[in-house]
Amino acid sequence: MAGRCGIALARSGPAGFSSHHMPFLSRNIDVGFTRLQEFLLAMEAGDTVRLADLAQVSGLSEDTCKTALDALARVGILSCETDGRFVRRTLRRSLG
């Protein structure tokens, strides 16, 4: 999977990088995931985000962001619209 590859590459060392680059890469990945998490947690029902915008905000690759958004869509937290937007859904169950 692309998202899984993005994470694995950063953790195992991309081609051309020596081990002394890893702390820097690891920090960048951690910061990116923190930004991604903060952005997603701040979303309220009805808020939308596009993949390219989330990648820009987080600093993570679009593949990595897509993996996260797809997972949230699978569990019903987001919906993926035909125009490529991801929309935050409500978690409230209807009574009736």
N, C-alpha and C. Protein backbone atom coordinates (compact mmCIF):
# COMPACT_ATOMS: atom_id res chain seq x y z
N MET A 1 0.84 -1.18 0.00
CA MET A 1 0.00 0.00 0.00
C MET A 1 0.88 1.24 0.00
N ALA A 2 0.43 2.25 -0.66
CA ALA A 2 1.23 3.46 -0.79
C ALA A 2 1.47 4.13 0.56
N GLY A 3 0.41 4.30 1.36
CA GLY A 3 0.56 4.93 2.66
C GLY A 3 1.49 4.15 3.56
N ARG A 4 1.32 2.84 3.56
CA ARG A 4 2.19 1.99 4.38
C ARG A 4 3.62 2.10 3.88
N CYS A 5 3.82 2.16 2.58
CA CYS A 5 5.17 2.30 2.03
C CYS A 5 5.80 3.62 2.45
N GLY A 6 5.02 4.68 2.46
CA GLY A 6 5.55 5.97 2.87
C GLY A 6 6.08 5.94 4.28
N ILE A 7 5.37 5.27 5.16
CA ILE A 7 5.80 5.17 6.55
C ILE A 7 7.00 4.24 6.65
N ALA A 8 6.94 3.08 5.98
CA ALA A 8 8.02 2.11 6.06
C ALA A 8 9.31 2.68 5.49
N LEU A 9 9.22 3.43 4.41
CA LEU A 9 10.42 4.00 3.82
C LEU A 9 11.10 4.96 4.78
N ALA A 10 10.31 5.78 5.43
CA ALA A 10 10.89 6.74 6.36
C ALA A 10 11.53 6.05 7.56
N ARG A 11 10.96 4.97 7.97
CA ARG A 11 11.48 4.27 9.14
C ARG A 11 12.66 3.37 8.78
N SER A 12 12.70 2.79 7.57
CA SER A 12 13.78 1.88 7.22
C SER A 12 14.90 2.55 6.45
N GLY A 13 14.70 3.79 6.06
CA GLY A 13 15.76 4.53 5.39
C GLY A 13 15.64 4.50 3.88
N PRO A 14 15.17 5.59 3.29
CA PRO A 14 15.05 5.67 1.84
C PRO A 14 16.41 5.51 1.16
N ALA A 15 16.38 5.06 -0.06
CA ALA A 15 17.61 4.89 -0.84
C ALA A 15 18.37 6.20 -0.88
N GLY A 16 19.67 6.14 -0.65
CA GLY A 16 20.50 7.33 -0.70
C GLY A 16 20.64 8.06 0.62
N PHE A 17 19.95 7.61 1.65
CA PHE A 17 20.06 8.24 2.97
C PHE A 17 20.86 7.34 3.88
N SER A 18 21.77 7.94 4.60
CA SER A 18 22.52 7.18 5.59
C SER A 18 21.80 7.24 6.93
N SER A 19 22.24 6.45 7.88
CA SER A 19 21.54 6.37 9.16
C SER A 19 21.54 7.69 9.92
N HIS A 20 22.52 8.58 9.68
CA HIS A 20 22.52 9.84 10.42
C HIS A 20 21.39 10.77 9.98
N HIS A 21 20.71 10.48 8.87
CA HIS A 21 19.56 11.26 8.44
C HIS A 21 18.28 10.83 9.16
N MET A 22 18.27 9.67 9.75
CA MET A 22 17.05 9.11 10.31
C MET A 22 16.44 9.93 11.44
N PRO A 23 17.20 10.46 12.39
CA PRO A 23 16.54 11.26 13.43
C PRO A 23 15.79 12.45 12.83
N PHE A 24 16.37 13.10 11.83
CA PHE A 24 15.71 14.23 11.17
C PHE A 24 14.43 13.76 10.48
N LEU A 25 14.54 12.66 9.71
CA LEU A 25 13.37 12.13 9.01
C LEU A 25 12.29 11.72 9.99
N SER A 26 12.68 11.05 11.05
CA SER A 26 11.73 10.58 12.04
C SER A 26 11.00 11.75 12.69
N ARG A 27 11.73 12.81 13.02
CA ARG A 27 11.09 14.00 13.59
C ARG A 27 10.11 14.62 12.61
N ASN A 28 10.48 14.69 11.33
CA ASN A 28 9.58 15.26 10.33
C ASN A 28 8.31 14.45 10.20
N ILE A 29 8.44 13.13 10.22
CA ILE A 29 7.27 12.26 10.14
C ILE A 29 6.40 12.47 11.38
N ASP A 30 7.02 12.50 12.56
CA ASP A 30 6.26 12.71 13.80
C ASP A 30 5.52 14.05 13.77
N VAL A 31 6.20 15.10 13.34
CA VAL A 31 5.57 16.42 13.25
C VAL A 31 4.41 16.37 12.25
N GLY A 32 4.62 15.70 11.13
CA GLY A 32 3.57 15.58 10.12
C GLY A 32 2.34 14.87 10.65
N PHE A 33 2.56 13.77 11.37
CA PHE A 33 1.42 13.04 11.93
C PHE A 33 0.73 13.84 13.04
N THR A 34 1.49 14.61 13.78
CA THR A 34 0.88 15.47 14.80
C THR A 34 0.00 16.52 14.13
N ARG A 35 0.50 17.14 13.07
CA ARG A 35 -0.31 18.13 12.33
C ARG A 35 -1.56 17.49 11.74
N LEU A 36 -1.40 16.30 11.16
CA LEU A 36 -2.54 15.58 10.58
C LEU A 36 -3.58 15.31 11.67
N GLN A 37 -3.14 14.82 12.81
CA GLN A 37 -4.04 14.51 13.91
C GLN A 37 -4.75 15.76 14.41
N GLU A 38 -4.02 16.84 14.62
CA GLU A 38 -4.62 18.07 15.11
C GLU A 38 -5.67 18.60 14.14
N PHE A 39 -5.36 18.54 12.85
CA PHE A 39 -6.30 19.02 11.84
C PHE A 39 -7.57 18.18 11.86
N LEU A 40 -7.41 16.86 11.86
CA LEU A 40 -8.58 15.98 11.82
C LEU A 40 -9.42 16.09 13.09
N LEU A 41 -8.78 16.23 14.24
CA LEU A 41 -9.52 16.36 15.50
C LEU A 41 -10.27 17.68 15.58
N ALA A 42 -9.78 18.70 14.89
CA ALA A 42 -10.46 20.00 14.91
C ALA A 42 -11.66 20.05 13.97
N MET A 43 -11.79 19.07 13.09
CA MET A 43 -12.91 19.06 12.15
C MET A 43 -14.22 18.79 12.89
N GLU A 44 -15.26 19.50 12.48
CA GLU A 44 -16.60 19.30 13.01
C GLU A 44 -17.48 18.75 11.90
N ALA A 45 -18.59 18.17 12.28
CA ALA A 45 -19.51 17.59 11.29
C ALA A 45 -19.81 18.60 10.19
N GLY A 46 -19.65 18.18 8.96
CA GLY A 46 -19.89 19.03 7.80
C GLY A 46 -18.65 19.68 7.24
N ASP A 47 -17.57 19.74 8.01
CA ASP A 47 -16.30 20.30 7.51
C ASP A 47 -15.75 19.39 6.42
N THR A 48 -15.07 20.00 5.46
CA THR A 48 -14.51 19.22 4.35
C THR A 48 -13.02 19.46 4.22
N VAL A 49 -12.35 18.49 3.61
CA VAL A 49 -10.93 18.63 3.33
C VAL A 49 -10.63 17.87 2.04
N ARG A 50 -9.71 18.40 1.28
CA ARG A 50 -9.22 17.72 0.08
C ARG A 50 -7.85 17.13 0.38
N LEU A 51 -7.54 16.06 -0.28
CA LEU A 51 -6.29 15.34 -0.05
C LEU A 51 -5.08 16.26 -0.19
N ALA A 52 -5.00 17.02 -1.26
CA ALA A 52 -3.85 17.90 -1.50
C ALA A 52 -3.71 18.93 -0.39
N ASP A 53 -4.83 19.45 0.11
CA ASP A 53 -4.78 20.44 1.19
C ASP A 53 -4.26 19.82 2.48
N LEU A 54 -4.71 18.60 2.79
CA LEU A 54 -4.26 17.93 4.01
C LEU A 54 -2.77 17.59 3.92
N ALA A 55 -2.31 17.19 2.75
CA ALA A 55 -0.89 16.90 2.56
C ALA A 55 -0.07 18.17 2.77
N GLN A 56 -0.56 19.29 2.27
CA GLN A 56 0.16 20.55 2.43
C GLN A 56 0.20 20.98 3.89
N VAL A 57 -0.90 20.87 4.59
CA VAL A 57 -0.98 21.27 6.00
C VAL A 57 -0.09 20.39 6.86
N SER A 58 -0.10 19.08 6.59
CA SER A 58 0.62 18.14 7.45
C SER A 58 2.09 17.99 7.07
N GLY A 59 2.40 18.20 5.79
CA GLY A 59 3.76 17.95 5.33
C GLY A 59 4.01 16.49 4.99
N LEU A 60 2.97 15.66 5.07
CA LEU A 60 3.08 14.24 4.72
C LEU A 60 2.74 14.07 3.25
N SER A 61 3.09 12.93 2.70
CA SER A 61 2.78 12.66 1.29
C SER A 61 1.28 12.49 1.11
N GLU A 62 0.81 12.72 -0.10
CA GLU A 62 -0.61 12.50 -0.39
C GLU A 62 -0.98 11.04 -0.18
N ASP A 63 -0.08 10.12 -0.50
CA ASP A 63 -0.37 8.69 -0.30
C ASP A 63 -0.61 8.39 1.18
N THR A 64 0.22 8.95 2.04
CA THR A 64 0.07 8.72 3.48
C THR A 64 -1.23 9.33 3.98
N CYS A 65 -1.54 10.55 3.54
CA CYS A 65 -2.78 11.20 3.95
C CYS A 65 -3.99 10.43 3.43
N LYS A 66 -3.91 9.94 2.20
CA LYS A 66 -5.03 9.18 1.63
C LYS A 66 -5.29 7.92 2.44
N THR A 67 -4.24 7.26 2.88
CA THR A 67 -4.41 6.06 3.69
C THR A 67 -5.17 6.40 4.98
N ALA A 68 -4.81 7.51 5.62
CA ALA A 68 -5.49 7.92 6.85
C ALA A 68 -6.95 8.30 6.57
N LEU A 69 -7.18 9.08 5.53
CA LEU A 69 -8.55 9.50 5.21
C LEU A 69 -9.42 8.31 4.81
N ASP A 70 -8.87 7.39 4.02
CA ASP A 70 -9.62 6.20 3.63
C ASP A 70 -10.00 5.36 4.85
N ALA A 71 -9.08 5.24 5.81
CA ALA A 71 -9.37 4.47 7.02
C ALA A 71 -10.50 5.14 7.82
N LEU A 72 -10.47 6.46 7.92
CA LEU A 72 -11.53 7.17 8.63
C LEU A 72 -12.86 7.08 7.89
N ALA A 73 -12.81 7.02 6.58
CA ALA A 73 -14.04 6.84 5.79
C ALA A 73 -14.60 5.43 5.99
N ARG A 74 -13.73 4.44 6.07
CA ARG A 74 -14.18 3.06 6.27
C ARG A 74 -14.92 2.88 7.59
N VAL A 75 -14.52 3.59 8.62
CA VAL A 75 -15.17 3.45 9.92
C VAL A 75 -16.30 4.46 10.13
N GLY A 76 -16.58 5.28 9.13
CA GLY A 76 -17.73 6.15 9.18
C GLY A 76 -17.51 7.53 9.77
N ILE A 77 -16.28 7.89 10.04
CA ILE A 77 -16.00 9.23 10.59
C ILE A 77 -16.01 10.27 9.48
N LEU A 78 -15.55 9.89 8.31
CA LEU A 78 -15.57 10.75 7.13
C LEU A 78 -16.35 10.07 6.02
N SER A 79 -16.83 10.86 5.09
CA SER A 79 -17.36 10.29 3.85
C SER A 79 -16.53 10.85 2.71
N CYS A 80 -16.33 10.04 1.70
CA CYS A 80 -15.57 10.46 0.53
C CYS A 80 -16.56 10.79 -0.58
N GLU A 81 -16.57 12.03 -0.99
CA GLU A 81 -17.50 12.49 -2.02
C GLU A 81 -16.91 12.22 -3.41
N THR A 82 -17.76 12.20 -4.41
CA THR A 82 -17.32 11.91 -5.77
C THR A 82 -16.37 12.97 -6.33
N ASP A 83 -16.42 14.18 -5.77
CA ASP A 83 -15.53 15.25 -6.25
C ASP A 83 -14.18 15.24 -5.52
N GLY A 84 -13.94 14.23 -4.68
CA GLY A 84 -12.65 14.09 -4.01
C GLY A 84 -12.58 14.71 -2.63
N ARG A 85 -13.63 15.38 -2.21
CA ARG A 85 -13.65 15.95 -0.86
C ARG A 85 -13.95 14.86 0.16
N PHE A 86 -13.34 15.00 1.33
CA PHE A 86 -13.69 14.16 2.47
C PHE A 86 -14.48 15.03 3.43
N VAL A 87 -15.63 14.56 3.87
CA VAL A 87 -16.54 15.34 4.71
C VAL A 87 -16.64 14.67 6.07
N ARG A 88 -16.47 15.47 7.13
CA ARG A 88 -16.59 14.96 8.49
C ARG A 88 -18.06 14.68 8.78
N ARG A 89 -18.31 13.47 9.23
CA ARG A 89 -19.68 13.06 9.54
C ARG A 89 -19.93 13.21 11.04
N THR A 90 -21.19 13.23 11.40
CA THR A 90 -21.54 13.25 12.82
C THR A 90 -21.48 11.82 13.35
N LEU A 91 -21.15 11.69 14.61
CA LEU A 91 -21.10 10.36 15.22
C LEU A 91 -22.37 10.07 16.01
N ARG A 92 -23.27 11.04 16.06
CA ARG A 92 -24.53 10.85 16.77
C ARG A 92 -25.43 9.91 16.01
N ARG A 93 -26.07 9.06 16.75
CA ARG A 93 -27.05 8.16 16.14
C ARG A 93 -28.41 8.83 16.21
N SER A 94 -29.18 8.64 15.18
CA SER A 94 -30.51 9.24 15.19
C SER A 94 -31.40 8.45 16.15
N LEU A 95 -32.28 9.16 16.83
CA LEU A 95 -33.21 8.54 17.77
C LEU A 95 -34.57 8.45 17.12
N GLY A 96 -34.82 7.37 16.54
CA GLY A 96 -36.16 7.29 16.00
C GLY A 96 -36.22 6.56 14.79
